Amino acid sequence: MINAKKKGNVYETEMAFRLREIFPGARTSRFMGRLWLDSCKVDLTDTDPYYFQCKATEHSPAYHQILSEMPRSNNHVNVILHKRNNRGTVAVLSFDDFLRILKQLQNGIKQRGT
């Protein structure tokens, strides 16, 4: 049986590892000694322009509250990665940030198509 804290730490490490395909320097803020970020609900570092909070729980966390406690920045998108056993991981972000990402993707597609 794994305790909740260890389960969360293992999940953070797993997500950092999986995100290294896109962000080669991705590490846990706890591992990197970035306690300020960790206290601001940011679990992974060197993932600009995204801030990630990782949750490995069977119940849905308070998404709105967590997002409101994460740093607000026009340069970053706050994302919660939530994993349930045997159900996989989902990414949760504000609708405004979701629209911003979609616009950036659309602009990139239009620029490549011309």
PDB file of N, CA and C in Angstrom:
ATOM      1  N   MET A   1       0.854  -1.189   0.000  1.00  0.00           N
ATOM      2  CA  MET A   1       0.000   0.000   0.000  1.00  0.00           C
ATOM      3  C   MET A   1       0.893   1.244   0.000  1.00  0.00           C
ATOM      4  N   ILE A   2       0.612   2.170  -0.878  1.00  0.00           N
ATOM      5  CA  ILE A   2       1.407   3.389  -0.999  1.00  0.00           C
ATOM      6  C   ILE A   2       0.638   4.535  -0.335  1.00  0.00           C
ATOM      7  N   ASN A   3       1.342   5.365   0.429  1.00  0.00           N
ATOM      8  CA  ASN A   3       0.627   6.478   1.059  1.00  0.00           C
ATOM      9  C   ASN A   3       0.426   7.615   0.055  1.00  0.00           C
ATOM     10  N   ALA A   4      -0.488   8.523   0.390  1.00  0.00           N
ATOM     11  CA  ALA A   4      -0.890   9.577  -0.544  1.00  0.00           C
ATOM     12  C   ALA A   4       0.274  10.471  -0.946  1.00  0.00           C
ATOM     13  N   LYS A   5       1.129  10.841   0.002  1.00  0.00           N
ATOM     14  CA  LYS A   5       2.256  11.728  -0.318  1.00  0.00           C
ATOM     15  C   LYS A   5       3.221  11.044  -1.286  1.00  0.00           C
ATOM     16  N   LYS A   6       3.538   9.792  -1.013  1.00  0.00           N
ATOM     17  CA  LYS A   6       4.458   9.066  -1.892  1.00  0.00           C
ATOM     18  C   LYS A   6       3.831   8.875  -3.279  1.00  0.00           C
ATOM     19  N   LYS A   7       2.531   8.562  -3.303  1.00  0.00           N
ATOM     20  CA  LYS A   7       1.832   8.403  -4.580  1.00  0.00           C
ATOM     21  C   LYS A   7       1.917   9.699  -5.390  1.00  0.00           C
ATOM     22  N   GLY A   8       1.717  10.844  -4.730  1.00  0.00           N
ATOM     23  CA  GLY A   8       1.810  12.135  -5.411  1.00  0.00           C
ATOM     24  C   GLY A   8       3.207  12.418  -5.918  1.00  0.00           C
ATOM     25  N   ASN A   9       4.223  12.121  -5.107  1.00  0.00           N
ATOM     26  CA  ASN A   9       5.616  12.342  -5.518  1.00  0.00           C
ATOM     27  C   ASN A   9       5.979  11.472  -6.716  1.00  0.00           C
ATOM     28  N   VAL A  10       5.540  10.218  -6.690  1.00  0.00           N
ATOM     29  CA  VAL A  10       5.815   9.300  -7.804  1.00  0.00           C
ATOM     30  C   VAL A  10       5.141   9.813  -9.077  1.00  0.00           C
ATOM     31  N   TYR A  11       3.912  10.295  -8.941  1.00  0.00           N
ATOM     32  CA  TYR A  11       3.182  10.812 -10.105  1.00  0.00           C
ATOM     33  C   TYR A  11       3.848  12.064 -10.679  1.00  0.00           C
ATOM     34  N   GLU A  12       4.299  12.966  -9.811  1.00  0.00           N
ATOM     35  CA  GLU A  12       5.009  14.163 -10.279  1.00  0.00           C
ATOM     36  C   GLU A  12       6.246  13.765 -11.077  1.00  0.00           C
ATOM     37  N   THR A  13       7.002  12.826 -10.555  1.00  0.00           N
ATOM     38  CA  THR A  13       8.224  12.367 -11.230  1.00  0.00           C
ATOM     39  C   THR A  13       7.888  11.725 -12.575  1.00  0.00           C
ATOM     40  N   GLU A  14       6.820  10.929 -12.608  1.00  0.00           N
ATOM     41  CA  GLU A  14       6.393  10.294 -13.856  1.00  0.00           C
ATOM     42  C   GLU A  14       5.997  11.342 -14.894  1.00  0.00           C
ATOM     43  N   MET A  15       5.257  12.356 -14.482  1.00  0.00           N
ATOM     44  CA  MET A  15       4.828  13.394 -15.418  1.00  0.00           C
ATOM     45  C   MET A  15       6.022  14.207 -15.923  1.00  0.00           C
ATOM     46  N   ALA A  16       6.969  14.509 -15.039  1.00  0.00           N
ATOM     47  CA  ALA A  16       8.176  15.223 -15.473  1.00  0.00           C
ATOM     48  C   ALA A  16       8.907  14.398 -16.533  1.00  0.00           C
ATOM     49  N   PHE A  17       9.018  13.109 -16.291  1.00  0.00           N
ATOM     50  CA  PHE A  17       9.695  12.220 -17.240  1.00  0.00           C
ATOM     51  C   PHE A  17       8.958  12.207 -18.585  1.00  0.00           C
ATOM     52  N   ARG A  18       7.646  12.082 -18.553  1.00  0.00           N
ATOM     53  CA  ARG A  18       6.872  12.018 -19.794  1.00  0.00           C
ATOM     54  C   ARG A  18       6.886  13.338 -20.558  1.00  0.00           C
ATOM     55  N   LEU A  19       6.942  14.450 -19.845  1.00  0.00           N
ATOM     56  CA  LEU A  19       6.952  15.755 -20.506  1.00  0.00           C
ATOM     57  C   LEU A  19       8.320  16.130 -21.070  1.00  0.00           C
ATOM     58  N   ARG A  20       9.360  15.385 -20.722  1.00  0.00           N
ATOM     59  CA  ARG A  20      10.703  15.693 -21.241  1.00  0.00           C
ATOM     60  C   ARG A  20      10.804  15.535 -22.748  1.00  0.00           C
ATOM     61  N   GLU A  21       9.872  14.839 -23.350  1.00  0.00           N
ATOM     62  CA  GLU A  21       9.838  14.735 -24.810  1.00  0.00           C
ATOM     63  C   GLU A  21       9.634  16.124 -25.428  1.00  0.00           C
ATOM     64  N   ILE A  22       8.877  16.974 -24.734  1.00  0.00           N
ATOM     65  CA  ILE A  22       8.580  18.323 -25.208  1.00  0.00           C
ATOM     66  C   ILE A  22       9.436  19.359 -24.493  1.00  0.00           C
ATOM     67  N   PHE A  23       9.634  19.156 -23.181  1.00  0.00           N
ATOM     68  CA  PHE A  23      10.415  20.062 -22.337  1.00  0.00           C
ATOM     69  C   PHE A  23      11.604  19.281 -21.763  1.00  0.00           C
ATOM     70  N   PRO A  24      12.750  19.260 -22.450  1.00  0.00           N
ATOM     71  CA  PRO A  24      13.875  18.415 -22.028  1.00  0.00           C
ATOM     72  C   PRO A  24      14.350  18.652 -20.598  1.00  0.00           C
ATOM     73  N   GLY A  25      14.134  19.847 -20.049  1.00  0.00           N
ATOM     74  CA  GLY A  25      14.607  20.136 -18.696  1.00  0.00           C
ATOM     75  C   GLY A  25      13.577  19.926 -17.609  1.00  0.00           C
ATOM     76  N   ALA A  26      12.426  19.351 -17.938  1.00  0.00           N
ATOM     77  CA  ALA A  26      11.339  19.210 -16.957  1.00  0.00           C
ATOM     78  C   ALA A  26      11.782  18.412 -15.734  1.00  0.00           C
ATOM     79  N   ARG A  27      11.537  18.990 -14.562  1.00  0.00           N
ATOM     80  CA  ARG A  27      11.849  18.360 -13.271  1.00  0.00           C
ATOM     81  C   ARG A  27      10.760  18.743 -12.281  1.00  0.00           C
ATOM     82  N   THR A  28      10.690  18.033 -11.176  1.00  0.00           N
ATOM     83  CA  THR A  28       9.744  18.428 -10.136  1.00  0.00           C
ATOM     84  C   THR A  28      10.307  19.631  -9.391  1.00  0.00           C
ATOM     85  N   SER A  29       9.423  20.537  -8.991  1.00  0.00           N
ATOM     86  CA  SER A  29       9.879  21.717  -8.248  1.00  0.00           C
ATOM     87  C   SER A  29      10.437  21.296  -6.896  1.00  0.00           C
ATOM     88  N   ARG A  30       9.902  20.223  -6.334  1.00  0.00           N
ATOM     89  CA  ARG A  30      10.407  19.689  -5.074  1.00  0.00           C
ATOM     90  C   ARG A  30      11.852  19.212  -5.247  1.00  0.00           C
ATOM     91  N   PHE A  31      12.121  18.507  -6.330  1.00  0.00           N
ATOM     92  CA  PHE A  31      13.454  17.990  -6.616  1.00  0.00           C
ATOM     93  C   PHE A  31      14.450  19.120  -6.865  1.00  0.00           C
ATOM     94  N   MET A  32      13.973  20.175  -7.520  1.00  0.00           N
ATOM     95  CA  MET A  32      14.853  21.278  -7.897  1.00  0.00           C
ATOM     96  C   MET A  32      15.033  22.297  -6.774  1.00  0.00           C
ATOM     97  N   GLY A  33      14.379  22.078  -5.634  1.00  0.00           N
ATOM     98  CA  GLY A  33      14.517  23.024  -4.531  1.00  0.00           C
ATOM     99  C   GLY A  33      13.825  24.340  -4.810  1.00  0.00           C
ATOM    100  N   ARG A  34      12.865  24.333  -5.696  1.00  0.00           N
ATOM    101  CA  ARG A  34      12.123  25.547  -6.039  1.00  0.00           C
ATOM    102  C   ARG A  34      10.892  25.625  -5.134  1.00  0.00           C
ATOM    103  N   LEU A  35      11.136  25.830  -3.865  1.00  0.00           N
ATOM    104  CA  LEU A  35      10.057  25.789  -2.885  1.00  0.00           C
ATOM    105  C   LEU A  35       9.021  26.873  -3.111  1.00  0.00           C
ATOM    106  N   TRP A  36       9.437  28.050  -3.658  1.00  0.00           N
ATOM    107  CA  TRP A  36       8.464  29.092  -3.932  1.00  0.00           C
ATOM    108  C   TRP A  36       7.445  28.581  -4.942  1.00  0.00           C
ATOM    109  N   LEU A  37       7.903  27.981  -6.033  1.00  0.00           N
ATOM    110  CA  LEU A  37       6.978  27.445  -7.024  1.00  0.00           C
ATOM    111  C   LEU A  37       6.123  26.340  -6.421  1.00  0.00           C
ATOM    112  N   ASP A  38       6.739  25.466  -5.656  1.00  0.00           N
ATOM    113  CA  ASP A  38       6.006  24.365  -5.038  1.00  0.00           C
ATOM    114  C   ASP A  38       4.905  24.907  -4.132  1.00  0.00           C
ATOM    115  N   SER A  39       5.188  25.957  -3.389  1.00  0.00           N
ATOM    116  CA  SER A  39       4.175  26.539  -2.506  1.00  0.00           C
ATOM    117  C   SER A  39       3.076  27.260  -3.284  1.00  0.00           C
ATOM    118  N   CYS A  40       3.339  27.592  -4.558  1.00  0.00           N
ATOM    119  CA  CYS A  40       2.347  28.233  -5.421  1.00  0.00           C
ATOM    120  C   CYS A  40       1.572  27.219  -6.257  1.00  0.00           C
ATOM    121  N   LYS A  41       1.611  25.973  -5.847  1.00  0.00           N
ATOM    122  CA  LYS A  41       0.892  24.887  -6.530  1.00  0.00           C
ATOM    123  C   LYS A  41       1.476  24.557  -7.905  1.00  0.00           C
ATOM    124  N   VAL A  42       2.767  24.810  -8.088  1.00  0.00           N
ATOM    125  CA  VAL A  42       3.434  24.447  -9.339  1.00  0.00           C
ATOM    126  C   VAL A  42       4.364  23.278  -9.029  1.00  0.00           C
ATOM    127  N   ASP A  43       4.072  22.120  -9.615  1.00  0.00           N
ATOM    128  CA  ASP A  43       4.833  20.917  -9.300  1.00  0.00           C
ATOM    129  C   ASP A  43       5.997  20.653 -10.246  1.00  0.00           C
ATOM    130  N   LEU A  44       5.935  21.181 -11.470  1.00  0.00           N
ATOM    131  CA  LEU A  44       6.981  20.900 -12.455  1.00  0.00           C
ATOM    132  C   LEU A  44       7.635  22.200 -12.905  1.00  0.00           C
ATOM    133  N   THR A  45       8.954  22.174 -13.056  1.00  0.00           N
ATOM    134  CA  THR A  45       9.705  23.352 -13.484  1.00  0.00           C
ATOM    135  C   THR A  45      10.288  23.126 -14.871  1.00  0.00           C
ATOM    136  N   ASP A  46      10.742  24.228 -15.467  1.00  0.00           N
ATOM    137  CA  ASP A  46      11.361  24.221 -16.795  1.00  0.00           C
ATOM    138  C   ASP A  46      10.412  23.659 -17.850  1.00  0.00           C
ATOM    139  N   THR A  47       9.153  24.090 -17.760  1.00  0.00           N
ATOM    140  CA  THR A  47       8.132  23.681 -18.720  1.00  0.00           C
ATOM    141  C   THR A  47       7.453  24.908 -19.336  1.00  0.00           C
ATOM    142  N   ASP A  48       8.215  26.007 -19.472  1.00  0.00           N
ATOM    143  CA  ASP A  48       7.649  27.242 -20.020  1.00  0.00           C
ATOM    144  C   ASP A  48       7.077  26.979 -21.402  1.00  0.00           C
ATOM    145  N   PRO A  49       5.927  27.524 -21.696  1.00  0.00           N
ATOM    146  CA  PRO A  49       5.152  28.529 -20.982  1.00  0.00           C
ATOM    147  C   PRO A  49       4.028  27.939 -20.119  1.00  0.00           C
ATOM    148  N   TYR A  50       4.207  26.744 -19.593  1.00  0.00           N
ATOM    149  CA  TYR A  50       3.160  26.090 -18.807  1.00  0.00           C
ATOM    150  C   TYR A  50       3.615  25.875 -17.365  1.00  0.00           C
ATOM    151  N   TYR A  51       2.654  26.033 -16.444  1.00  0.00           N
ATOM    152  CA  TYR A  51       2.832  25.647 -15.053  1.00  0.00           C
ATOM    153  C   TYR A  51       1.930  24.428 -14.826  1.00  0.00           C
ATOM    154  N   PHE A  52       2.494  23.361 -14.284  1.00  0.00           N
ATOM    155  CA  PHE A  52       1.739  22.128 -14.066  1.00  0.00           C
ATOM    156  C   PHE A  52       1.586  21.824 -12.584  1.00  0.00           C
ATOM    157  N   GLN A  53       0.379  21.465 -12.196  1.00  0.00           N
ATOM    158  CA  GLN A  53       0.070  20.935 -10.872  1.00  0.00           C
ATOM    159  C   GLN A  53      -0.386  19.494 -11.104  1.00  0.00           C
ATOM    160  N   CYS A  54       0.207  18.548 -10.385  1.00  0.00           N
ATOM    161  CA  CYS A  54      -0.092  17.131 -10.570  1.00  0.00           C
ATOM    162  C   CYS A  54      -0.910  16.602  -9.404  1.00  0.00           C
ATOM    163  N   LYS A  55      -1.981  15.883  -9.727  1.00  0.00           N
ATOM    164  CA  LYS A  55      -2.846  15.286  -8.712  1.00  0.00           C
ATOM    165  C   LYS A  55      -3.091  13.829  -9.070  1.00  0.00           C
ATOM    166  N   ALA A  56      -2.801  12.938  -8.150  1.00  0.00           N
ATOM    167  CA  ALA A  56      -3.061  11.508  -8.328  1.00  0.00           C
ATOM    168  C   ALA A  56      -4.062  11.095  -7.247  1.00  0.00           C
ATOM    169  N   THR A  57      -5.342  11.341  -7.515  1.00  0.00           N
ATOM    170  CA  THR A  57      -6.395  11.047  -6.546  1.00  0.00           C
ATOM    171  C   THR A  57      -7.577  10.388  -7.244  1.00  0.00           C
ATOM    172  N   GLU A  58      -8.319   9.603  -6.495  1.00  0.00           N
ATOM    173  CA  GLU A  58      -9.496   8.952  -7.056  1.00  0.00           C
ATOM    174  C   GLU A  58     -10.680   9.908  -7.157  1.00  0.00           C
ATOM    175  N   HIS A  59     -10.700  10.919  -6.313  1.00  0.00           N
ATOM    176  CA  HIS A  59     -11.764  11.917  -6.351  1.00  0.00           C
ATOM    177  C   HIS A  59     -11.262  13.149  -7.099  1.00  0.00           C
ATOM    178  N   SER A  60     -12.191  13.849  -7.705  1.00  0.00           N
ATOM    179  CA  SER A  60     -11.815  15.065  -8.434  1.00  0.00           C
ATOM    180  C   SER A  60     -11.371  16.144  -7.456  1.00  0.00           C
ATOM    181  N   PRO A  61     -10.188  16.710  -7.683  1.00  0.00           N
ATOM    182  CA  PRO A  61      -9.759  17.814  -6.826  1.00  0.00           C
ATOM    183  C   PRO A  61     -10.578  19.072  -7.144  1.00  0.00           C
ATOM    184  N   ALA A  62     -10.430  20.078  -6.330  1.00  0.00           N
ATOM    185  CA  ALA A  62     -11.131  21.352  -6.530  1.00  0.00           C
ATOM    186  C   ALA A  62     -10.403  22.139  -7.625  1.00  0.00           C
ATOM    187  N   TYR A  63     -10.696  21.817  -8.875  1.00  0.00           N
ATOM    188  CA  TYR A  63      -9.975  22.401 -10.006  1.00  0.00           C
ATOM    189  C   TYR A  63      -9.971  23.920  -9.989  1.00  0.00           C
ATOM    190  N   HIS A  64     -11.122  24.526  -9.804  1.00  0.00           N
ATOM    191  CA  HIS A  64     -11.211  25.984  -9.833  1.00  0.00           C
ATOM    192  C   HIS A  64     -10.354  26.609  -8.736  1.00  0.00           C
ATOM    193  N   GLN A  65     -10.401  26.028  -7.561  1.00  0.00           N
ATOM    194  CA  GLN A  65      -9.618  26.566  -6.450  1.00  0.00           C
ATOM    195  C   GLN A  65      -8.125  26.431  -6.726  1.00  0.00           C
ATOM    196  N   ILE A  66      -7.703  25.270  -7.194  1.00  0.00           N
ATOM    197  CA  ILE A  66      -6.277  25.051  -7.478  1.00  0.00           C
ATOM    198  C   ILE A  66      -5.791  26.028  -8.541  1.00  0.00           C
ATOM    199  N   LEU A  67      -6.551  26.173  -9.627  1.00  0.00           N
ATOM    200  CA  LEU A  67      -6.153  27.104 -10.688  1.00  0.00           C
ATOM    201  C   LEU A  67      -6.064  28.531 -10.166  1.00  0.00           C
ATOM    202  N   SER A  68      -6.966  28.900  -9.258  1.00  0.00           N
ATOM    203  CA  SER A  68      -6.931  30.269  -8.717  1.00  0.00           C
ATOM    204  C   SER A  68      -5.739  30.481  -7.784  1.00  0.00           C
ATOM    205  N   GLU A  69      -5.195  29.416  -7.211  1.00  0.00           N
ATOM    206  CA  GLU A  69      -4.045  29.526  -6.311  1.00  0.00           C
ATOM    207  C   GLU A  69      -2.708  29.477  -7.044  1.00  0.00           C
ATOM    208  N   MET A  70      -2.724  29.076  -8.311  1.00  0.00           N
ATOM    209  CA  MET A  70      -1.497  29.020  -9.098  1.00  0.00           C
ATOM    210  C   MET A  70      -1.134  30.434  -9.557  1.00  0.00           C
ATOM    211  N   PRO A  71       0.148  30.683  -9.866  1.00  0.00           N
ATOM    212  CA  PRO A  71       0.560  32.025 -10.288  1.00  0.00           C
ATOM    213  C   PRO A  71      -0.194  32.475 -11.543  1.00  0.00           C
ATOM    214  N   ARG A  72      -0.608  33.715 -11.545  1.00  0.00           N
ATOM    215  CA  ARG A  72      -1.284  34.283 -12.717  1.00  0.00           C
ATOM    216  C   ARG A  72      -0.249  35.025 -13.551  1.00  0.00           C
ATOM    217  N   SER A  73      -0.245  34.730 -14.842  1.00  0.00           N
ATOM    218  CA  SER A  73       0.727  35.354 -15.726  1.00  0.00           C
ATOM    219  C   SER A  73       0.213  35.286 -17.153  1.00  0.00           C
ATOM    220  N   ASN A  74       0.428  36.357 -17.904  1.00  0.00           N
ATOM    221  CA  ASN A  74       0.090  36.330 -19.327  1.00  0.00           C
ATOM    222  C   ASN A  74       1.080  35.475 -20.103  1.00  0.00           C
ATOM    223  N   ASN A  75       2.195  35.141 -19.478  1.00  0.00           N
ATOM    224  CA  ASN A  75       3.240  34.369 -20.145  1.00  0.00           C
ATOM    225  C   ASN A  75       3.136  32.875 -19.883  1.00  0.00           C
ATOM    226  N   HIS A  76       2.262  32.475 -18.958  1.00  0.00           N
ATOM    227  CA  HIS A  76       2.142  31.062 -18.599  1.00  0.00           C
ATOM    228  C   HIS A  76       0.694  30.596 -18.651  1.00  0.00           C
ATOM    229  N   VAL A  77       0.533  29.310 -18.910  1.00  0.00           N
ATOM    230  CA  VAL A  77      -0.770  28.656 -18.866  1.00  0.00           C
ATOM    231  C   VAL A  77      -0.734  27.680 -17.701  1.00  0.00           C
ATOM    232  N   ASN A  78      -1.705  27.783 -16.796  1.00  0.00           N
ATOM    233  CA  ASN A  78      -1.791  26.874 -15.658  1.00  0.00           C
ATOM    234  C   ASN A  78      -2.576  25.631 -16.055  1.00  0.00           C
ATOM    235  N   VAL A  79      -1.988  24.455 -15.774  1.00  0.00           N
ATOM    236  CA  VAL A  79      -2.598  23.186 -16.149  1.00  0.00           C
ATOM    237  C   VAL A  79      -2.551  22.240 -14.959  1.00  0.00           C
ATOM    238  N   ILE A  80      -3.677  21.593 -14.685  1.00  0.00           N
ATOM    239  CA  ILE A  80      -3.718  20.542 -13.670  1.00  0.00           C
ATOM    240  C   ILE A  80      -3.709  19.212 -14.404  1.00  0.00           C
ATOM    241  N   LEU A  81      -2.788  18.340 -14.050  1.00  0.00           N
ATOM    242  CA  LEU A  81      -2.756  16.971 -14.565  1.00  0.00           C
ATOM    243  C   LEU A  81      -3.337  16.083 -13.472  1.00  0.00           C
ATOM    244  N   HIS A  82      -4.462  15.424 -13.766  1.00  0.00           N
ATOM    245  CA  HIS A  82      -5.159  14.623 -12.762  1.00  0.00           C
ATOM    246  C   HIS A  82      -5.253  13.178 -13.225  1.00  0.00           C
ATOM    247  N   LYS A  83      -4.753  12.283 -12.381  1.00  0.00           N
ATOM    248  CA  LYS A  83      -4.737  10.854 -12.694  1.00  0.00           C
ATOM    249  C   LYS A  83      -5.623  10.101 -11.709  1.00  0.00           C
ATOM    250  N   ARG A  84      -6.429   9.203 -12.257  1.00  0.00           N
ATOM    251  CA  ARG A  84      -7.179   8.236 -11.453  1.00  0.00           C
ATOM    252  C   ARG A  84      -6.673   6.850 -11.827  1.00  0.00           C
ATOM    253  N   ASN A  85      -6.630   5.969 -10.852  1.00  0.00           N
ATOM    254  CA  ASN A  85      -6.200   4.597 -11.124  1.00  0.00           C
ATOM    255  C   ASN A  85      -7.066   3.985 -12.219  1.00  0.00           C
ATOM    256  N   ASN A  86      -6.423   3.335 -13.167  1.00  0.00           N
ATOM    257  CA  ASN A  86      -7.091   2.622 -14.258  1.00  0.00           C
ATOM    258  C   ASN A  86      -7.981   3.516 -15.125  1.00  0.00           C
ATOM    259  N   ARG A  87      -7.826   4.813 -15.041  1.00  0.00           N
ATOM    260  CA  ARG A  87      -8.638   5.729 -15.840  1.00  0.00           C
ATOM    261  C   ARG A  87      -7.783   6.685 -16.650  1.00  0.00           C
ATOM    262  N   GLY A  88      -6.485   6.740 -16.386  1.00  0.00           N
ATOM    263  CA  GLY A  88      -5.609   7.635 -17.129  1.00  0.00           C
ATOM    264  C   GLY A  88      -5.545   9.030 -16.540  1.00  0.00           C
ATOM    265  N   THR A  89      -4.904   9.909 -17.297  1.00  0.00           N
ATOM    266  CA  THR A  89      -4.679  11.288 -16.868  1.00  0.00           C
ATOM    267  C   THR A  89      -5.452  12.236 -17.763  1.00  0.00           C
ATOM    268  N   VAL A  90      -6.021  13.277 -17.146  1.00  0.00           N
ATOM    269  CA  VAL A  90      -6.657  14.354 -17.906  1.00  0.00           C
ATOM    270  C   VAL A  90      -5.927  15.651 -17.588  1.00  0.00           C
ATOM    271  N   ALA A  91      -5.990  16.579 -18.521  1.00  0.00           N
ATOM    272  CA  ALA A  91      -5.415  17.913 -18.317  1.00  0.00           C
ATOM    273  C   ALA A  91      -6.570  18.895 -18.183  1.00  0.00           C
ATOM    274  N   VAL A  92      -6.510  19.734 -17.141  1.00  0.00           N
ATOM    275  CA  VAL A  92      -7.567  20.704 -16.869  1.00  0.00           C
ATOM    276  C   VAL A  92      -6.941  22.092 -16.890  1.00  0.00           C
ATOM    277  N   LEU A  93      -7.561  23.019 -17.615  1.00  0.00           N
ATOM    278  CA  LEU A  93      -7.088  24.390 -17.659  1.00  0.00           C
ATOM    279  C   LEU A  93      -8.287  25.307 -17.840  1.00  0.00           C
ATOM    280  N   SER A  94      -8.091  26.584 -17.617  1.00  0.00           N
ATOM    281  CA  SER A  94      -9.197  27.529 -17.779  1.00  0.00           C
ATOM    282  C   SER A  94      -9.586  27.596 -19.255  1.00  0.00           C
ATOM    283  N   PHE A  95     -10.846  27.930 -19.495  1.00  0.00           N
ATOM    284  CA  PHE A  95     -11.323  28.036 -20.872  1.00  0.00           C
ATOM    285  C   PHE A  95     -10.594  29.146 -21.622  1.00  0.00           C
ATOM    286  N   ASP A  96     -10.283  30.250 -20.943  1.00  0.00           N
ATOM    287  CA  ASP A  96      -9.543  31.341 -21.591  1.00  0.00           C
ATOM    288  C   ASP A  96      -8.168  30.869 -22.051  1.00  0.00           C
ATOM    289  N   ASP A  97      -7.470  30.103 -21.215  1.00  0.00           N
ATOM    290  CA  ASP A  97      -6.168  29.571 -21.620  1.00  0.00           C
ATOM    291  C   ASP A  97      -6.323  28.564 -22.764  1.00  0.00           C
ATOM    292  N   PHE A  98      -7.381  27.761 -22.709  1.00  0.00           N
ATOM    293  CA  PHE A  98      -7.656  26.805 -23.781  1.00  0.00           C
ATOM    294  C   PHE A  98      -7.850  27.538 -25.111  1.00  0.00           C
ATOM    295  N   LEU A  99      -8.640  28.615 -25.105  1.00  0.00           N
ATOM    296  CA  LEU A  99      -8.845  29.402 -26.324  1.00  0.00           C
ATOM    297  C   LEU A  99      -7.545  30.010 -26.825  1.00  0.00           C
ATOM    298  N   ARG A 100      -6.726  30.505 -25.892  1.00  0.00           N
ATOM    299  CA  ARG A 100      -5.439  31.095 -26.280  1.00  0.00           C
ATOM    300  C   ARG A 100      -4.563  30.060 -26.993  1.00  0.00           C
ATOM    301  N   ILE A 101      -4.524  28.836 -26.471  1.00  0.00           N
ATOM    302  CA  ILE A 101      -3.736  27.770 -27.108  1.00  0.00           C
ATOM    303  C   ILE A 101      -4.296  27.445 -28.491  1.00  0.00           C
ATOM    304  N   LEU A 102      -5.624  27.341 -28.598  1.00  0.00           N
ATOM    305  CA  LEU A 102      -6.239  27.052 -29.897  1.00  0.00           C
ATOM    306  C   LEU A 102      -5.909  28.133 -30.925  1.00  0.00           C
ATOM    307  N   LYS A 103      -5.953  29.402 -30.507  1.00  0.00           N
ATOM    308  CA  LYS A 103      -5.618  30.502 -31.415  1.00  0.00           C
ATOM    309  C   LYS A 103      -4.170  30.412 -31.870  1.00  0.00           C
ATOM    310  N   GLN A 104      -3.279  30.090 -30.942  1.00  0.00           N
ATOM    311  CA  GLN A 104      -1.866  29.951 -31.299  1.00  0.00           C
ATOM    312  C   GLN A 104      -1.676  28.811 -32.291  1.00  0.00           C
ATOM    313  N   LEU A 105      -2.364  27.697 -32.070  1.00  0.00           N
ATOM    314  CA  LEU A 105      -2.273  26.568 -33.000  1.00  0.00           C
ATOM    315  C   LEU A 105      -2.825  26.937 -34.371  1.00  0.00           C
ATOM    316  N   GLN A 106      -3.967  27.611 -34.395  1.00  0.00           N
ATOM    317  CA  GLN A 106      -4.562  28.028 -35.658  1.00  0.00           C
ATOM    318  C   GLN A 106      -3.642  28.976 -36.411  1.00  0.00           C
ATOM    319  N   ASN A 107      -3.042  29.932 -35.707  1.00  0.00           N
ATOM    320  CA  ASN A 107      -2.119  30.862 -36.348  1.00  0.00           C
ATOM    321  C   ASN A 107      -0.918  30.125 -36.924  1.00  0.00           C
ATOM    322  N   GLY A 108      -0.419  29.119 -36.202  1.00  0.00           N
ATOM    323  CA  GLY A 108       0.709  28.323 -36.687  1.00  0.00           C
ATOM    324  C   GLY A 108       0.338  27.539 -37.939  1.00  0.00           C
ATOM    325  N   ILE A 109      -0.872  26.982 -37.978  1.00  0.00           N
ATOM    326  CA  ILE A 109      -1.325  26.230 -39.138  1.00  0.00           C
ATOM    327  C   ILE A 109      -1.489  27.160 -40.333  1.00  0.00           C
ATOM    328  N   LYS A 110      -2.066  28.340 -40.116  1.00  0.00           N
ATOM    329  CA  LYS A 110      -2.245  29.303 -41.207  1.00  0.00           C
ATOM    330  C   LYS A 110      -0.910  29.774 -41.762  1.00  0.00           C
ATOM    331  N   GLN A 111       0.072  30.012 -40.881  1.00  0.00           N
ATOM    332  CA  GLN A 111       1.376  30.470 -41.321  1.00  0.00           C
ATOM    333  C   GLN A 111       2.090  29.398 -42.135  1.00  0.00           C
ATOM    334  N   ARG A 112       1.941  28.138 -41.754  1.00  0.00           N
ATOM    335  CA  ARG A 112       2.579  27.046 -42.502  1.00  0.00           C
ATOM    336  C   ARG A 112       1.893  26.804 -43.830  1.00  0.00           C
ATOM    337  N   GLY A 113       0.596  27.108 -43.896  1.00  0.00           N
ATOM    338  CA  GLY A 113      -0.179  26.857 -45.121  1.00  0.00           C
ATOM    339  C   GLY A 113       0.007  27.915 -46.183  1.00  0.00           C
ATOM    340  N   THR A 114       0.580  29.041 -45.838  1.00  0.00           N
ATOM    341  CA  THR A 114       0.737  30.107 -46.846  1.00  0.00           C
ATOM    342  C   THR A 114       2.087  30.116 -47.480  1.00  0.00           C
TER     343      THR A 114
END
